[in-house]
Amino acid sequence: MEHNSCRDTMSCLALLAVLCLSAAAVARGQLTDDFYDGCCPQVEDIVKARVSTAMKAEPRMGASLLRLHFHDCFVNGCDGSILLDGNNTEKLAAPNLNSARGFEVVDAIKADLEKACPGVVSCADILAIAAKYGVLLSGGPDYGVLLGRRDGLVANQSGANSNLPSPFDPIDTITKKFSDVDLNTTDVVVLSGGHTIGRARCALFSNRLSNFTATSSVDPTLNSSLASSLQTLCQGGDGNQTAALDAGSADTFDNHYYQNLLSQRGLLSSDQGLFSSADTKALVQAYSANSERFFCDFRRSMVKMGNIRPLTGSAGQIRKNCRAVN
């Protein structure tokens, strides 16, 4: 028999939202794996369906969604601030301009969730779940996503410009940027392995292809045959042509990325630098030889990254539209 309080659909939906707020209070600032069980139990199914549809149309989208979550968490914490539109937003920061993508997929997920559980699921949590399925549906490991993030109220363009690791950064600088958000050297190597899927623009690696130094035209740590093919790709273009980050296994989440580094086939300077640096070389070798170890460590590092300074409890808000504050 139907309870009187749920005869009115809006009253029922309001009750669900209150259940999630109560869960936030119980969590006391901690993310949990069952946050939406009582108020939007279908959240993961809804996100998975949209990500699956997007990846069937474009397999690269899995990598794009993973990157959105990464770029969100390194600026202001995992608060969905990368999704905000405006004149001084993270979308317009140098690391994201003409590069960050997948926003329309997030919009579609949010629209579906607002129909199923209005005002309940945050955009920050959508990014975390979408990243998981971007990895899983590319052949990568499954892992439990901790949930309960709330959405930030402001974007931080200057923070995006300064805090996000750059493909031009030396490994010690990248390690410092990871350390600033409580991630360690293992996390650097593991999360860089996300480059086993996706593509990068010529603008991000063309510096390795000519006039590299006074004594070497091409970066000596770049495989010569790969350099030649990349020169052909990028020559005369506007910098927006793209190449696979993991040549030979572009759309499959595996440990082939690390195997490429052993043969100097890392696309970005920051990728190949992992094999050149004494602090990270041994892990590259280990992951190249053992995909299970890579997958295990990747699960752990993704959970750590997803826990960078989240807004919980009554902080922030649950945006109705991921592109704008309420």
C-alpha atoms as a PDB file:
ATOM      1  CA  MET A   1       0.000   0.000   0.000  1.00  0.00           C
ATOM      2  CA  GLU A   2       1.317   3.439  -0.939  1.00  0.00           C
ATOM      3  CA  HIS A   3       2.303   5.740   1.912  1.00  0.00           C
ATOM      4  CA  ASN A   4       0.289   8.967   2.022  1.00  0.00           C
ATOM      5  CA  SER A   5       3.450  11.081   2.061  1.00  0.00           C
ATOM      6  CA  CYS A   6       4.481   9.713  -1.347  1.00  0.00           C
ATOM      7  CA  ARG A   7       1.167  10.085  -3.150  1.00  0.00           C
ATOM      8  CA  ASP A   8       2.316  13.532  -4.152  1.00  0.00           C
ATOM      9  CA  THR A   9       5.323  12.991  -6.433  1.00  0.00           C
ATOM     10  CA  MET A  10       6.940  16.289  -5.504  1.00  0.00           C
ATOM     11  CA  SER A  11       6.677  15.499  -1.809  1.00  0.00           C
ATOM     12  CA  CYS A  12       8.376  12.174  -2.433  1.00  0.00           C
ATOM     13  CA  LEU A  13      11.177  13.806  -4.394  1.00  0.00           C
ATOM     14  CA  ALA A  14      11.625  16.376  -1.655  1.00  0.00           C
ATOM     15  CA  LEU A  15      11.882  13.550   0.859  1.00  0.00           C
ATOM     16  CA  LEU A  16      14.615  11.928  -1.220  1.00  0.00           C
ATOM     17  CA  ALA A  17      16.595  15.157  -1.252  1.00  0.00           C
ATOM     18  CA  VAL A  18      16.271  15.388   2.533  1.00  0.00           C
ATOM     19  CA  LEU A  19      17.540  11.819   2.855  1.00  0.00           C
ATOM     20  CA  CYS A  20      20.711  12.802   0.994  1.00  0.00           C
ATOM     21  CA  LEU A  21      21.164  15.885   3.154  1.00  0.00           C
ATOM     22  CA  SER A  22      20.781  13.665   6.207  1.00  0.00           C
ATOM     23  CA  ALA A  23      23.401  11.317   4.798  1.00  0.00           C
ATOM     24  CA  ALA A  24      25.717  14.289   4.389  1.00  0.00           C
ATOM     25  CA  ALA A  25      25.279  15.191   8.036  1.00  0.00           C
ATOM     26  CA  VAL A  26      25.976  11.631   9.122  1.00  0.00           C
ATOM     27  CA  ALA A  27      29.088  11.477   6.941  1.00  0.00           C
ATOM     28  CA  ARG A  28      30.487  14.523   8.777  1.00  0.00           C
ATOM     29  CA  GLY A  29      32.505  15.692   5.828  1.00  0.00           C
ATOM     30  CA  GLN A  30      33.520  12.223   4.634  1.00  0.00           C
ATOM     31  CA  LEU A  31      32.622  10.786   1.252  1.00  0.00           C
ATOM     32  CA  THR A  32      30.906   7.387   1.341  1.00  0.00           C
ATOM     33  CA  ASP A  33      30.237   4.573  -1.116  1.00  0.00           C
ATOM     34  CA  ASP A  34      26.518   4.430  -0.288  1.00  0.00           C
ATOM     35  CA  PHE A  35      25.690   8.135  -0.252  1.00  0.00           C
ATOM     36  CA  TYR A  36      22.850   7.927  -2.811  1.00  0.00           C
ATOM     37  CA  ASP A  37      21.504   4.493  -1.870  1.00  0.00           C
ATOM     38  CA  GLY A  38      18.445   5.936  -0.148  1.00  0.00           C
ATOM     39  CA  CYS A  39      17.782   8.959  -2.343  1.00  0.00           C
ATOM     40  CA  CYS A  40      18.947   8.149  -5.886  1.00  0.00           C
ATOM     41  CA  PRO A  41      19.931   4.483  -6.093  1.00  0.00           C
ATOM     42  CA  GLN A  42      19.905   4.514  -9.903  1.00  0.00           C
ATOM     43  CA  VAL A  43      22.575   7.216 -10.171  1.00  0.00           C
ATOM     44  CA  GLU A  44      25.369   4.961 -11.428  1.00  0.00           C
ATOM     45  CA  ASP A  45      23.123   3.239 -13.969  1.00  0.00           C
ATOM     46  CA  ILE A  46      22.037   6.605 -15.357  1.00  0.00           C
ATOM     47  CA  VAL A  47      25.612   7.865 -15.651  1.00  0.00           C
ATOM     48  CA  LYS A  48      26.842   4.606 -17.172  1.00  0.00           C
ATOM     49  CA  ALA A  49      24.126   4.629 -19.832  1.00  0.00           C
ATOM     50  CA  ARG A  50      25.001   8.140 -21.005  1.00  0.00           C
ATOM     51  CA  VAL A  51      28.758   7.503 -20.965  1.00  0.00           C
ATOM     52  CA  SER A  52      28.260   4.268 -22.896  1.00  0.00           C
ATOM     53  CA  THR A  53      26.198   6.028 -25.567  1.00  0.00           C
ATOM     54  CA  ALA A  54      28.785   8.795 -25.895  1.00  0.00           C
ATOM     55  CA  MET A  55      31.681   6.340 -26.169  1.00  0.00           C
ATOM     56  CA  LYS A  56      29.925   4.264 -28.812  1.00  0.00           C
ATOM     57  CA  ALA A  57      29.751   7.440 -30.894  1.00  0.00           C
ATOM     58  CA  GLU A  58      33.337   8.430 -30.008  1.00  0.00           C
ATOM     59  CA  PRO A  59      35.561   6.055 -28.021  1.00  0.00           C
ATOM     60  CA  ARG A  60      37.844   8.972 -27.107  1.00  0.00           C
ATOM     61  CA  MET A  61      35.109  10.392 -24.881  1.00  0.00           C
ATOM     62  CA  GLY A  62      36.109   8.047 -22.066  1.00  0.00           C
ATOM     63  CA  ALA A  63      39.489   9.746 -21.872  1.00  0.00           C
ATOM     64  CA  SER A  64      37.891  13.184 -22.074  1.00  0.00           C
ATOM     65  CA  LEU A  65      35.644  12.483 -19.090  1.00  0.00           C
ATOM     66  CA  LEU A  66      38.552  11.089 -17.076  1.00  0.00           C
ATOM     67  CA  ARG A  67      40.533  14.251 -17.810  1.00  0.00           C
ATOM     68  CA  LEU A  68      37.628  16.500 -16.757  1.00  0.00           C
ATOM     69  CA  HIS A  69      37.570  14.867 -13.329  1.00  0.00           C
ATOM     70  CA  PHE A  70      41.359  15.196 -13.005  1.00  0.00           C
ATOM     71  CA  HIS A  71      41.347  18.866 -14.026  1.00  0.00           C
ATOM     72  CA  ASP A  72      38.440  19.564 -11.702  1.00  0.00           C
ATOM     73  CA  CYS A  73      40.049  18.039  -8.623  1.00  0.00           C
ATOM     74  CA  PHE A  74      43.397  19.833  -8.987  1.00  0.00           C
ATOM     75  CA  VAL A  75      41.687  23.259  -8.849  1.00  0.00           C
ATOM     76  CA  ASN A  76      39.569  24.161  -5.784  1.00  0.00           C
ATOM     77  CA  GLY A  77      39.270  20.436  -5.029  1.00  0.00           C
ATOM     78  CA  CYS A  78      36.687  18.100  -6.588  1.00  0.00           C
ATOM     79  CA  ASP A  79      33.845  20.624  -6.686  1.00  0.00           C
ATOM     80  CA  GLY A  80      32.640  20.710 -10.298  1.00  0.00           C
ATOM     81  CA  SER A  81      34.110  24.186 -10.801  1.00  0.00           C
ATOM     82  CA  ILE A  82      35.561  23.215 -14.197  1.00  0.00           C
ATOM     83  CA  LEU A  83      32.000  22.978 -15.524  1.00  0.00           C
ATOM     84  CA  LEU A  84      31.045  26.600 -14.861  1.00  0.00           C
ATOM     85  CA  ASP A  85      30.555  28.922 -17.838  1.00  0.00           C
ATOM     86  CA  GLY A  86      31.616  32.570 -17.829  1.00  0.00           C
ATOM     87  CA  ASN A  87      34.348  35.049 -18.701  1.00  0.00           C
ATOM     88  CA  ASN A  88      36.851  34.130 -15.994  1.00  0.00           C
ATOM     89  CA  THR A  89      36.314  30.403 -15.720  1.00  0.00           C
ATOM     90  CA  GLU A  90      38.541  27.348 -15.645  1.00  0.00           C
ATOM     91  CA  LYS A  91      37.290  26.392 -19.105  1.00  0.00           C
ATOM     92  CA  LEU A  92      39.176  29.395 -20.482  1.00  0.00           C
ATOM     93  CA  ALA A  93      42.428  28.643 -18.630  1.00  0.00           C
ATOM     94  CA  ALA A  94      45.357  27.665 -20.846  1.00  0.00           C
ATOM     95  CA  PRO A  95      45.342  23.942 -19.896  1.00  0.00           C
ATOM     96  CA  ASN A  96      41.629  23.645 -20.787  1.00  0.00           C
ATOM     97  CA  LEU A  97      41.037  26.082 -23.659  1.00  0.00           C
ATOM     98  CA  ASN A  98      40.353  24.198 -26.914  1.00  0.00           C
ATOM     99  CA  SER A  99      41.262  21.069 -24.982  1.00  0.00           C
ATOM    100  CA  ALA A 100      38.829  20.131 -22.199  1.00  0.00           C
ATOM    101  CA  ARG A 101      35.799  18.381 -23.651  1.00  0.00           C
ATOM    102  CA  GLY A 102      32.849  16.229 -22.680  1.00  0.00           C
ATOM    103  CA  PHE A 103      30.735  19.045 -21.250  1.00  0.00           C
ATOM    104  CA  GLU A 104      27.723  18.087 -23.372  1.00  0.00           C
ATOM    105  CA  VAL A 105      27.853  14.534 -22.003  1.00  0.00           C
ATOM    106  CA  VAL A 106      27.820  15.917 -18.449  1.00  0.00           C
ATOM    107  CA  ASP A 107      24.850  18.126 -19.385  1.00  0.00           C
ATOM    108  CA  ALA A 108      22.951  15.097 -20.662  1.00  0.00           C
ATOM    109  CA  ILE A 109      23.723  13.100 -17.516  1.00  0.00           C
ATOM    110  CA  LYS A 110      22.600  15.978 -15.327  1.00  0.00           C
ATOM    111  CA  ALA A 111      19.337  16.344 -17.262  1.00  0.00           C
ATOM    112  CA  ASP A 112      18.587  12.634 -16.804  1.00  0.00           C
ATOM    113  CA  LEU A 113      19.377  12.803 -13.094  1.00  0.00           C
ATOM    114  CA  GLU A 114      17.245  15.899 -12.571  1.00  0.00           C
ATOM    115  CA  LYS A 115      14.314  13.968 -14.022  1.00  0.00           C
ATOM    116  CA  ALA A 116      14.958  10.930 -11.835  1.00  0.00           C
ATOM    117  CA  CYS A 117      16.076  12.617  -8.605  1.00  0.00           C
ATOM    118  CA  PRO A 118      15.787  16.420  -8.841  1.00  0.00           C
ATOM    119  CA  GLY A 119      18.179  18.473  -6.752  1.00  0.00           C
ATOM    120  CA  VAL A 120      19.997  15.437  -5.371  1.00  0.00           C
ATOM    121  CA  VAL A 121      23.142  14.506  -7.348  1.00  0.00           C
ATOM    122  CA  SER A 122      25.954  17.044  -7.580  1.00  0.00           C
ATOM    123  CA  CYS A 123      27.846  17.867 -10.745  1.00  0.00           C
ATOM    124  CA  ALA A 124      31.083  17.072  -8.913  1.00  0.00           C
ATOM    125  CA  ASP A 125      29.842  13.542  -8.232  1.00  0.00           C
ATOM    126  CA  ILE A 126      28.729  13.215 -11.852  1.00  0.00           C
ATOM    127  CA  LEU A 127      32.314  13.916 -12.942  1.00  0.00           C
ATOM    128  CA  ALA A 128      33.666  11.283 -10.549  1.00  0.00           C
ATOM    129  CA  ILE A 129      31.227   8.597 -11.704  1.00  0.00           C
ATOM    130  CA  ALA A 130      31.599   9.492 -15.394  1.00  0.00           C
ATOM    131  CA  ALA A 131      35.392   9.192 -15.083  1.00  0.00           C
ATOM    132  CA  LYS A 132      34.973   5.710 -13.593  1.00  0.00           C
ATOM    133  CA  TYR A 133      32.865   4.545 -16.509  1.00  0.00           C
ATOM    134  CA  GLY A 134      35.145   6.245 -19.018  1.00  0.00           C
ATOM    135  CA  VAL A 135      37.899   3.989 -17.674  1.00  0.00           C
ATOM    136  CA  LEU A 136      35.798   0.843 -17.212  1.00  0.00           C
ATOM    137  CA  LEU A 137      34.168   0.963 -20.647  1.00  0.00           C
ATOM    138  CA  SER A 138      37.622   1.417 -22.200  1.00  0.00           C
ATOM    139  CA  GLY A 139      38.724  -1.895 -20.690  1.00  0.00           C
ATOM    140  CA  GLY A 140      40.158  -0.513 -17.469  1.00  0.00           C
ATOM    141  CA  PRO A 141      39.577  -1.510 -13.848  1.00  0.00           C
ATOM    142  CA  ASP A 142      36.340  -1.126 -11.949  1.00  0.00           C
ATOM    143  CA  TYR A 143      36.524   0.666  -8.620  1.00  0.00           C
ATOM    144  CA  GLY A 144      34.156   1.998  -6.001  1.00  0.00           C
ATOM    145  CA  VAL A 145      33.601   5.745  -6.263  1.00  0.00           C
ATOM    146  CA  LEU A 146      33.137   7.539  -2.964  1.00  0.00           C
ATOM    147  CA  LEU A 147      30.296  10.061  -3.196  1.00  0.00           C
ATOM    148  CA  GLY A 148      28.731  12.982  -1.383  1.00  0.00           C
ATOM    149  CA  ARG A 149      30.551  15.931  -2.967  1.00  0.00           C
ATOM    150  CA  ARG A 150      28.738  19.215  -3.341  1.00  0.00           C
ATOM    151  CA  ASP A 151      29.247  21.830  -6.045  1.00  0.00           C
ATOM    152  CA  GLY A 152      31.443  24.883  -5.698  1.00  0.00           C
ATOM    153  CA  LEU A 153      30.151  28.405  -6.209  1.00  0.00           C
ATOM    154  CA  VAL A 154      33.138  29.894  -8.032  1.00  0.00           C
ATOM    155  CA  ALA A 155      35.600  28.950 -10.736  1.00  0.00           C
ATOM    156  CA  ASN A 156      39.320  29.591 -10.372  1.00  0.00           C
ATOM    157  CA  GLN A 157      40.974  30.375 -13.698  1.00  0.00           C
ATOM    158  CA  SER A 158      44.268  31.503 -12.162  1.00  0.00           C
ATOM    159  CA  GLY A 159      44.366  28.320 -10.105  1.00  0.00           C
ATOM    160  CA  ALA A 160      43.842  26.235 -13.234  1.00  0.00           C
ATOM    161  CA  ASN A 161      46.716  28.027 -14.927  1.00  0.00           C
ATOM    162  CA  SER A 162      49.084  27.494 -12.008  1.00  0.00           C
ATOM    163  CA  ASN A 163      47.996  24.242 -10.330  1.00  0.00           C
ATOM    164  CA  LEU A 164      47.406  21.848 -13.211  1.00  0.00           C
ATOM    165  CA  PRO A 165      50.404  19.773 -14.255  1.00  0.00           C
ATOM    166  CA  SER A 166      51.631  20.805 -17.698  1.00  0.00           C
ATOM    167  CA  PRO A 167      53.044  18.547 -20.432  1.00  0.00           C
ATOM    168  CA  PHE A 168      55.966  20.996 -20.513  1.00  0.00           C
ATOM    169  CA  ASP A 169      56.715  20.666 -16.785  1.00  0.00           C
ATOM    170  CA  PRO A 170      59.742  18.653 -15.630  1.00  0.00           C
ATOM    171  CA  ILE A 171      58.892  15.654 -13.455  1.00  0.00           C
ATOM    172  CA  ASP A 172      60.001  17.338 -10.223  1.00  0.00           C
ATOM    173  CA  THR A 173      57.574  20.219 -10.892  1.00  0.00           C
ATOM    174  CA  ILE A 174      54.749  17.787 -11.617  1.00  0.00           C
ATOM    175  CA  THR A 175      55.571  15.862  -8.452  1.00  0.00           C
ATOM    176  CA  LYS A 176      55.395  19.122  -6.471  1.00  0.00           C
ATOM    177  CA  LYS A 177      51.971  19.952  -7.941  1.00  0.00           C
ATOM    178  CA  PHE A 178      50.752  16.488  -6.927  1.00  0.00           C
ATOM    179  CA  SER A 179      52.233  16.891  -3.462  1.00  0.00           C
ATOM    180  CA  ASP A 180      50.354  20.184  -3.074  1.00  0.00           C
ATOM    181  CA  VAL A 181      47.092  18.188  -3.211  1.00  0.00           C
ATOM    182  CA  ASP A 182      48.399  15.348  -0.996  1.00  0.00           C
ATOM    183  CA  LEU A 183      49.258  12.962  -3.828  1.00  0.00           C
ATOM    184  CA  ASN A 184      52.638  11.224  -3.932  1.00  0.00           C
ATOM    185  CA  THR A 185      55.154  10.121  -6.554  1.00  0.00           C
ATOM    186  CA  THR A 186      53.394   6.793  -7.057  1.00  0.00           C
ATOM    187  CA  ASP A 187      50.194   8.713  -7.804  1.00  0.00           C
ATOM    188  CA  VAL A 188      52.099  10.754 -10.409  1.00  0.00           C
ATOM    189  CA  VAL A 189      53.138   7.640 -12.308  1.00  0.00           C
ATOM    190  CA  VAL A 190      49.820   5.831 -11.849  1.00  0.00           C
ATOM    191  CA  LEU A 191      47.542   8.704 -12.859  1.00  0.00           C
ATOM    192  CA  SER A 192      49.785   9.573 -15.813  1.00  0.00           C
ATOM    193  CA  GLY A 193      48.833   6.076 -16.959  1.00  0.00           C
ATOM    194  CA  GLY A 194      45.427   7.542 -17.733  1.00  0.00           C
ATOM    195  CA  HIS A 195      47.154   8.597 -20.953  1.00  0.00           C
ATOM    196  CA  THR A 196      46.719   5.015 -22.103  1.00  0.00           C
ATOM    197  CA  ILE A 197      43.528   6.399 -23.675  1.00  0.00           C
ATOM    198  CA  GLY A 198      42.907   9.682 -25.455  1.00  0.00           C
ATOM    199  CA  ARG A 199      44.669  12.082 -27.770  1.00  0.00           C
ATOM    200  CA  ALA A 200      46.741  15.267 -27.544  1.00  0.00           C
ATOM    201  CA  ARG A 201      47.043  18.283 -29.827  1.00  0.00           C
ATOM    202  CA  CYS A 202      50.229  19.025 -31.778  1.00  0.00           C
ATOM    203  CA  ALA A 203      50.575  22.245 -29.776  1.00  0.00           C
ATOM    204  CA  LEU A 204      51.392  20.134 -26.723  1.00  0.00           C
ATOM    205  CA  PHE A 205      54.284  18.175 -28.225  1.00  0.00           C
ATOM    206  CA  SER A 206      55.501  20.017 -31.361  1.00  0.00           C
ATOM    207  CA  ASN A 207      58.323  21.559 -29.295  1.00  0.00           C
ATOM    208  CA  ARG A 208      59.896  18.081 -29.320  1.00  0.00           C
ATOM    209  CA  LEU A 209      59.889  17.872 -33.127  1.00  0.00           C
ATOM    210  CA  SER A 210      62.175  20.724 -34.215  1.00  0.00           C
ATOM    211  CA  ASN A 211      64.679  23.203 -32.782  1.00  0.00           C
ATOM    212  CA  PHE A 212      64.626  21.251 -29.544  1.00  0.00           C
ATOM    213  CA  THR A 213      68.096  22.403 -28.469  1.00  0.00           C
ATOM    214  CA  ALA A 214      71.092  24.083 -30.067  1.00  0.00           C
ATOM    215  CA  THR A 215      72.627  20.660 -30.695  1.00  0.00           C
ATOM    216  CA  SER A 216      69.543  18.529 -31.393  1.00  0.00           C
ATOM    217  CA  SER A 217      66.675  19.329 -33.708  1.00  0.00           C
ATOM    218  CA  VAL A 218      64.449  16.573 -32.327  1.00  0.00           C
ATOM    219  CA  ASP A 219      64.113  15.595 -28.675  1.00  0.00           C
ATOM    220  CA  PRO A 220      66.673  12.781 -28.295  1.00  0.00           C
ATOM    221  CA  THR A 221      64.304  10.926 -25.943  1.00  0.00           C
ATOM    222  CA  LEU A 222      61.691  10.640 -28.748  1.00  0.00           C
ATOM    223  CA  ASN A 223      61.763   7.559 -30.985  1.00  0.00           C
ATOM    224  CA  SER A 224      62.967   8.687 -34.422  1.00  0.00           C
ATOM    225  CA  SER A 225      60.269   6.925 -36.453  1.00  0.00           C
ATOM    226  CA  LEU A 226      57.546   8.302 -34.196  1.00  0.00           C
ATOM    227  CA  ALA A 227      59.102  11.772 -34.483  1.00  0.00           C
ATOM    228  CA  SER A 228      59.012  11.531 -38.264  1.00  0.00           C
ATOM    229  CA  SER A 229      55.328  10.569 -38.357  1.00  0.00           C
ATOM    230  CA  LEU A 230      54.448  13.329 -35.905  1.00  0.00           C
ATOM    231  CA  GLN A 231      56.327  15.901 -37.975  1.00  0.00           C
ATOM    232  CA  THR A 232      54.228  14.902 -40.991  1.00  0.00           C
ATOM    233  CA  LEU A 233      51.041  15.155 -38.925  1.00  0.00           C
ATOM    234  CA  CYS A 234      51.772  18.556 -37.425  1.00  0.00           C
ATOM    235  CA  GLN A 235      53.600  20.305 -40.256  1.00  0.00           C
ATOM    236  CA  GLY A 236      51.793  23.382 -41.550  1.00  0.00           C
ATOM    237  CA  GLY A 237      48.857  22.944 -39.193  1.00  0.00           C
ATOM    238  CA  ASP A 238      47.367  25.230 -36.555  1.00  0.00           C
ATOM    239  CA  GLY A 239      48.451  23.047 -33.647  1.00  0.00           C
ATOM    240  CA  ASN A 240      45.058  21.428 -33.213  1.00  0.00           C
ATOM    241  CA  GLN A 241      45.742  18.192 -35.090  1.00  0.00           C
ATOM    242  CA  THR A 242      45.756  15.289 -32.664  1.00  0.00           C
ATOM    243  CA  ALA A 243      47.804  12.144 -32.095  1.00  0.00           C
ATOM    244  CA  ALA A 244      47.148   9.169 -29.842  1.00  0.00           C
ATOM    245  CA  LEU A 245      48.729   9.462 -26.415  1.00  0.00           C
ATOM    246  CA  ASP A 246      49.311   5.704 -26.442  1.00  0.00           C
ATOM    247  CA  ALA A 247      50.411   4.854 -29.982  1.00  0.00           C
ATOM    248  CA  GLY A 248      49.266   1.359 -30.905  1.00  0.00           C
ATOM    249  CA  SER A 249      46.569   1.128 -28.222  1.00  0.00           C
ATOM    250  CA  ALA A 250      44.780   4.476 -28.347  1.00  0.00           C
ATOM    251  CA  ASP A 251      41.309   3.499 -27.135  1.00  0.00           C
ATOM    252  CA  THR A 252      42.061   0.578 -24.804  1.00  0.00           C
ATOM    253  CA  PHE A 253      42.835   1.133 -21.132  1.00  0.00           C
ATOM    254  CA  ASP A 254      45.877  -1.073 -20.506  1.00  0.00           C
ATOM    255  CA  ASN A 255      49.552  -0.901 -19.539  1.00  0.00           C
ATOM    256  CA  HIS A 256      50.735  -0.371 -23.119  1.00  0.00           C
ATOM    257  CA  TYR A 257      51.378   3.306 -22.285  1.00  0.00           C
ATOM    258  CA  TYR A 258      54.234   2.265 -19.996  1.00  0.00           C
ATOM    259  CA  GLN A 259      55.617  -0.168 -22.564  1.00  0.00           C
ATOM    260  CA  ASN A 260      55.784   2.724 -25.020  1.00  0.00           C
ATOM    261  CA  LEU A 261      57.840   4.752 -22.565  1.00  0.00           C
ATOM    262  CA  LEU A 262      60.464   1.992 -22.477  1.00  0.00           C
ATOM    263  CA  SER A 263      60.922   2.393 -26.240  1.00  0.00           C
ATOM    264  CA  GLN A 264      60.865   6.226 -26.178  1.00  0.00           C
ATOM    265  CA  ARG A 265      57.394   6.407 -27.670  1.00  0.00           C
ATOM    266  CA  GLY A 266      55.841   8.669 -25.045  1.00  0.00           C
ATOM    267  CA  LEU A 267      53.996  11.460 -26.851  1.00  0.00           C
ATOM    268  CA  LEU A 268      54.335  14.257 -24.321  1.00  0.00           C
ATOM    269  CA  SER A 269      57.576  15.360 -22.746  1.00  0.00           C
ATOM    270  CA  SER A 270      55.986  14.813 -19.333  1.00  0.00           C
ATOM    271  CA  ASP A 271      55.123  11.230 -20.317  1.00  0.00           C
ATOM    272  CA  GLN A 272      58.592  10.280 -21.504  1.00  0.00           C
ATOM    273  CA  GLY A 273      60.079  12.119 -18.542  1.00  0.00           C
ATOM    274  CA  LEU A 274      58.667   9.439 -16.247  1.00  0.00           C
ATOM    275  CA  PHE A 275      61.149   6.971 -17.715  1.00  0.00           C
ATOM    276  CA  SER A 276      64.017   9.470 -17.658  1.00  0.00           C
ATOM    277  CA  SER A 277      63.609  10.410 -14.000  1.00  0.00           C
ATOM    278  CA  ALA A 278      65.310   8.245 -11.387  1.00  0.00           C
ATOM    279  CA  ASP A 279      62.395   8.801  -9.000  1.00  0.00           C
ATOM    280  CA  THR A 280      59.793   7.327 -11.352  1.00  0.00           C
ATOM    281  CA  LYS A 281      61.643   4.987 -13.745  1.00  0.00           C
ATOM    282  CA  ALA A 282      61.304   1.859 -11.602  1.00  0.00           C
ATOM    283  CA  LEU A 283      57.525   2.225 -11.380  1.00  0.00           C
ATOM    284  CA  VAL A 284      57.255   2.688 -15.145  1.00  0.00           C
ATOM    285  CA  GLN A 285      59.177  -0.568 -15.582  1.00  0.00           C
ATOM    286  CA  ALA A 286      57.006  -2.330 -13.010  1.00  0.00           C
ATOM    287  CA  TYR A 287      53.724  -1.248 -14.602  1.00  0.00           C
ATOM    288  CA  SER A 288      54.968  -2.063 -18.100  1.00  0.00           C
ATOM    289  CA  ALA A 289      55.506  -5.648 -16.985  1.00  0.00           C
ATOM    290  CA  ASN A 290      52.473  -6.083 -14.724  1.00  0.00           C
ATOM    291  CA  SER A 291      49.078  -4.777 -15.778  1.00  0.00           C
ATOM    292  CA  GLU A 292      47.384  -6.137 -12.647  1.00  0.00           C
ATOM    293  CA  ARG A 293      49.665  -4.056 -10.440  1.00  0.00           C
ATOM    294  CA  PHE A 294      48.923  -0.978 -12.558  1.00  0.00           C
ATOM    295  CA  PHE A 295      45.173  -1.561 -12.344  1.00  0.00           C
ATOM    296  CA  CYS A 296      45.331  -2.117  -8.589  1.00  0.00           C
ATOM    297  CA  ASP A 297      47.313   1.049  -7.980  1.00  0.00           C
ATOM    298  CA  PHE A 298      45.165   3.026 -10.424  1.00  0.00           C
ATOM    299  CA  ARG A 299      42.043   2.180  -8.426  1.00  0.00           C
ATOM    300  CA  ARG A 300      43.708   3.402  -5.245  1.00  0.00           C
ATOM    301  CA  SER A 301      45.027   6.618  -6.779  1.00  0.00           C
ATOM    302  CA  MET A 302      41.684   7.506  -8.373  1.00  0.00           C
ATOM    303  CA  VAL A 303      39.954   7.231  -4.996  1.00  0.00           C
ATOM    304  CA  LYS A 304      42.673   9.417  -3.448  1.00  0.00           C
ATOM    305  CA  MET A 305      42.376  12.017  -6.192  1.00  0.00           C
ATOM    306  CA  GLY A 306      38.594  12.042  -5.912  1.00  0.00           C
ATOM    307  CA  ASN A 307      38.973  12.940  -2.240  1.00  0.00           C
ATOM    308  CA  ILE A 308      40.910  16.177  -2.826  1.00  0.00           C
ATOM    309  CA  ARG A 309      39.194  18.853  -0.708  1.00  0.00           C
ATOM    310  CA  PRO A 310      35.562  17.970  -1.507  1.00  0.00           C
ATOM    311  CA  LEU A 311      32.736  20.192  -0.331  1.00  0.00           C
ATOM    312  CA  THR A 312      30.398  18.174   1.872  1.00  0.00           C
ATOM    313  CA  GLY A 313      27.569  18.633   4.357  1.00  0.00           C
ATOM    314  CA  SER A 314      25.993  22.055   3.854  1.00  0.00           C
ATOM    315  CA  ALA A 315      28.958  23.615   2.004  1.00  0.00           C
ATOM    316  CA  GLY A 316      28.431  24.642  -1.606  1.00  0.00           C
ATOM    317  CA  GLN A 317      25.222  23.560  -3.308  1.00  0.00           C
ATOM    318  CA  ILE A 318      23.681  21.001  -5.650  1.00  0.00           C
ATOM    319  CA  ARG A 319      23.562  22.802  -8.978  1.00  0.00           C
ATOM    320  CA  LYS A 320      20.479  22.406 -11.123  1.00  0.00           C
ATOM    321  CA  ASN A 321      22.557  23.225 -14.192  1.00  0.00           C
ATOM    322  CA  CYS A 322      26.215  22.197 -14.088  1.00  0.00           C
ATOM    323  CA  ARG A 323      27.219  25.274 -16.089  1.00  0.00           C
ATOM    324  CA  ALA A 324      25.898  27.846 -13.611  1.00  0.00           C
ATOM    325  CA  VAL A 325      25.386  28.330  -9.878  1.00  0.00           C
ATOM    326  CA  ASN A 326      21.776  28.279  -8.733  1.00  0.00           C
END
